[in-house]
């Protein structure tokens, strides 16, 4: 019943923006911290952004700090990732999930492909 449906990816030129969305259902979204995990070709998933349950605090990997912004709208059960100044190395399939804590990560969705290339 858990659903994480990432969308918003696509092909973008270096320096361009994309906004990813992750509408979620089947779990208490508004009570859990959430994350974005991109998976680059040939690599493991890597956590790049975290947001607390109420959206009051965020953390970012150094590789995306200053360029990406994680946000959420709990009324819509949706998390977002605004990506600016994209670089080719940002190319990956982007997945959303919860922060692992008392309970484990949720089943992965399909992810959304982000390709940064000129």
Protein backbone atom coordinates (compact mmCIF):
# COMPACT_ATOMS: atom_id res chain seq x y z
CA UNK A 1 0.00 0.00 0.00
CA UNK A 2 3.00 2.29 0.40
CA UNK A 3 3.51 4.41 -2.69
CA UNK A 4 6.33 6.76 -3.57
CA UNK A 5 5.86 8.11 -7.06
CA UNK A 6 8.80 10.24 -8.10
CA UNK A 7 8.33 12.50 -11.10
CA UNK A 8 9.68 15.61 -12.75
CA UNK A 9 12.92 14.30 -14.16
CA UNK A 10 14.10 14.74 -17.69
CA UNK A 11 16.92 15.91 -19.90
CA UNK A 12 18.37 19.27 -18.97
CA UNK A 13 21.43 21.22 -20.04
CA UNK A 14 24.21 21.94 -17.54
CA UNK A 15 23.31 24.90 -15.40
CA UNK A 16 19.61 24.37 -15.82
CA UNK A 17 16.92 23.65 -13.25
CA UNK A 18 14.54 20.81 -12.56
CA UNK A 19 11.93 20.32 -9.90
CA UNK A 20 11.21 16.80 -8.72
CA UNK A 21 8.07 15.74 -6.90
CA UNK A 22 7.35 12.78 -4.67
CA UNK A 23 3.70 12.37 -3.77
CA UNK A 24 3.42 9.69 -1.13
CA UNK A 25 0.73 7.54 0.36
CA UNK A 26 0.24 4.54 2.59
CA UNK A 27 2.24 5.79 5.56
CA UNK A 28 2.21 8.73 8.00
CA UNK A 29 4.06 11.08 5.68
CA UNK A 30 3.56 14.18 7.80
CA UNK A 31 5.09 12.51 10.85
CA UNK A 32 8.32 11.31 9.24
CA UNK A 33 11.49 12.93 8.04
CA UNK A 34 12.02 12.38 4.33
CA UNK A 35 14.99 12.12 2.00
CA UNK A 36 16.13 12.15 -1.61
CA UNK A 37 18.46 9.38 -2.80
CA UNK A 38 19.90 9.66 -6.29
CA UNK A 39 21.49 6.64 -7.89
CA UNK A 40 24.05 7.48 -10.55
CA UNK A 41 24.92 4.98 -13.28
CA UNK A 42 26.99 2.15 -11.85
CA UNK A 43 26.79 3.51 -8.32
CA UNK A 44 24.80 2.90 -5.17
CA UNK A 45 22.03 5.17 -3.99
CA UNK A 46 23.41 8.18 -2.14
CA UNK A 47 21.50 10.36 0.27
CA UNK A 48 21.75 14.01 -0.74
CA UNK A 49 18.96 15.81 1.11
CA UNK A 50 16.92 15.37 4.28
CA UNK A 51 13.94 17.26 5.62
CA UNK A 52 12.31 16.90 9.01
CA UNK A 53 8.68 15.96 9.37
CA UNK A 54 7.37 19.50 9.67
CA UNK A 55 9.86 20.88 7.18
CA UNK A 56 11.61 23.00 9.75
CA UNK A 57 15.10 21.65 9.24
CA UNK A 58 17.04 20.43 6.22
CA UNK A 59 20.43 18.94 5.55
CA UNK A 60 22.33 18.43 2.33
CA UNK A 61 25.30 16.54 1.05
CA UNK A 62 28.22 18.78 0.21
CA UNK A 63 27.89 17.86 -3.44
CA UNK A 64 24.49 19.56 -3.72
CA UNK A 65 24.56 22.18 -0.99
CA UNK A 66 23.71 25.59 -2.34
CA UNK A 67 22.20 24.14 -5.50
CA UNK A 68 19.39 21.85 -4.33
CA UNK A 69 16.50 22.66 -2.04
CA UNK A 70 14.35 20.01 -0.40
CA UNK A 71 10.85 20.93 0.69
CA UNK A 72 7.54 19.34 1.52
CA UNK A 73 3.85 20.08 1.62
CA UNK A 74 2.33 17.87 4.25
CA UNK A 75 -1.21 18.88 3.32
CA UNK A 76 -0.53 17.30 -0.08
CA UNK A 77 1.63 14.43 1.19
CA UNK A 78 4.27 15.53 -1.27
CA UNK A 79 7.99 16.16 -1.08
CA UNK A 80 9.95 18.20 -3.59
CA UNK A 81 13.50 18.70 -4.72
CA UNK A 82 14.33 21.93 -6.52
CA UNK A 83 17.57 21.41 -8.40
CA UNK A 84 19.41 24.41 -9.78
CA UNK A 85 22.77 24.82 -11.48
CA UNK A 86 22.70 21.21 -12.52
CA UNK A 87 25.93 19.47 -13.41
CA UNK A 88 26.55 16.37 -15.50
CA UNK A 89 27.55 14.53 -12.34
CA UNK A 90 24.02 15.06 -11.02
CA UNK A 91 22.81 12.60 -13.63
CA UNK A 92 21.03 9.83 -11.78
CA UNK A 93 17.74 8.20 -11.04
CA UNK A 94 16.28 10.10 -8.11
CA UNK A 95 14.35 8.28 -5.42
CA UNK A 96 12.53 9.55 -2.37
CA UNK A 97 12.15 7.75 0.92
CA UNK A 98 11.84 8.26 4.64
CA UNK A 99 14.68 8.62 7.07
CA UNK A 100 15.58 5.24 8.51
CA UNK A 101 14.96 5.20 12.24
CA UNK A 102 12.74 3.06 14.39
CA UNK A 103 11.41 1.68 11.13
CA UNK A 104 13.39 0.86 8.01
CA UNK A 105 13.36 2.54 4.64
CA UNK A 106 10.19 2.16 2.67
CA UNK A 107 10.09 0.07 -0.50
CA UNK A 108 11.70 2.00 -3.32
CA UNK A 109 9.56 3.56 -5.99
CA UNK A 110 10.45 3.67 -9.66
CA UNK A 111 12.49 6.85 -9.32
CA UNK A 112 12.70 9.59 -11.89
CA UNK A 113 15.57 9.93 -14.35
CA UNK A 114 17.54 13.15 -14.37
CA UNK A 115 20.01 13.52 -17.21
CA UNK A 116 22.24 16.57 -17.34
CA UNK A 117 23.96 16.83 -20.69
CA UNK A 118 24.65 19.24 -23.51
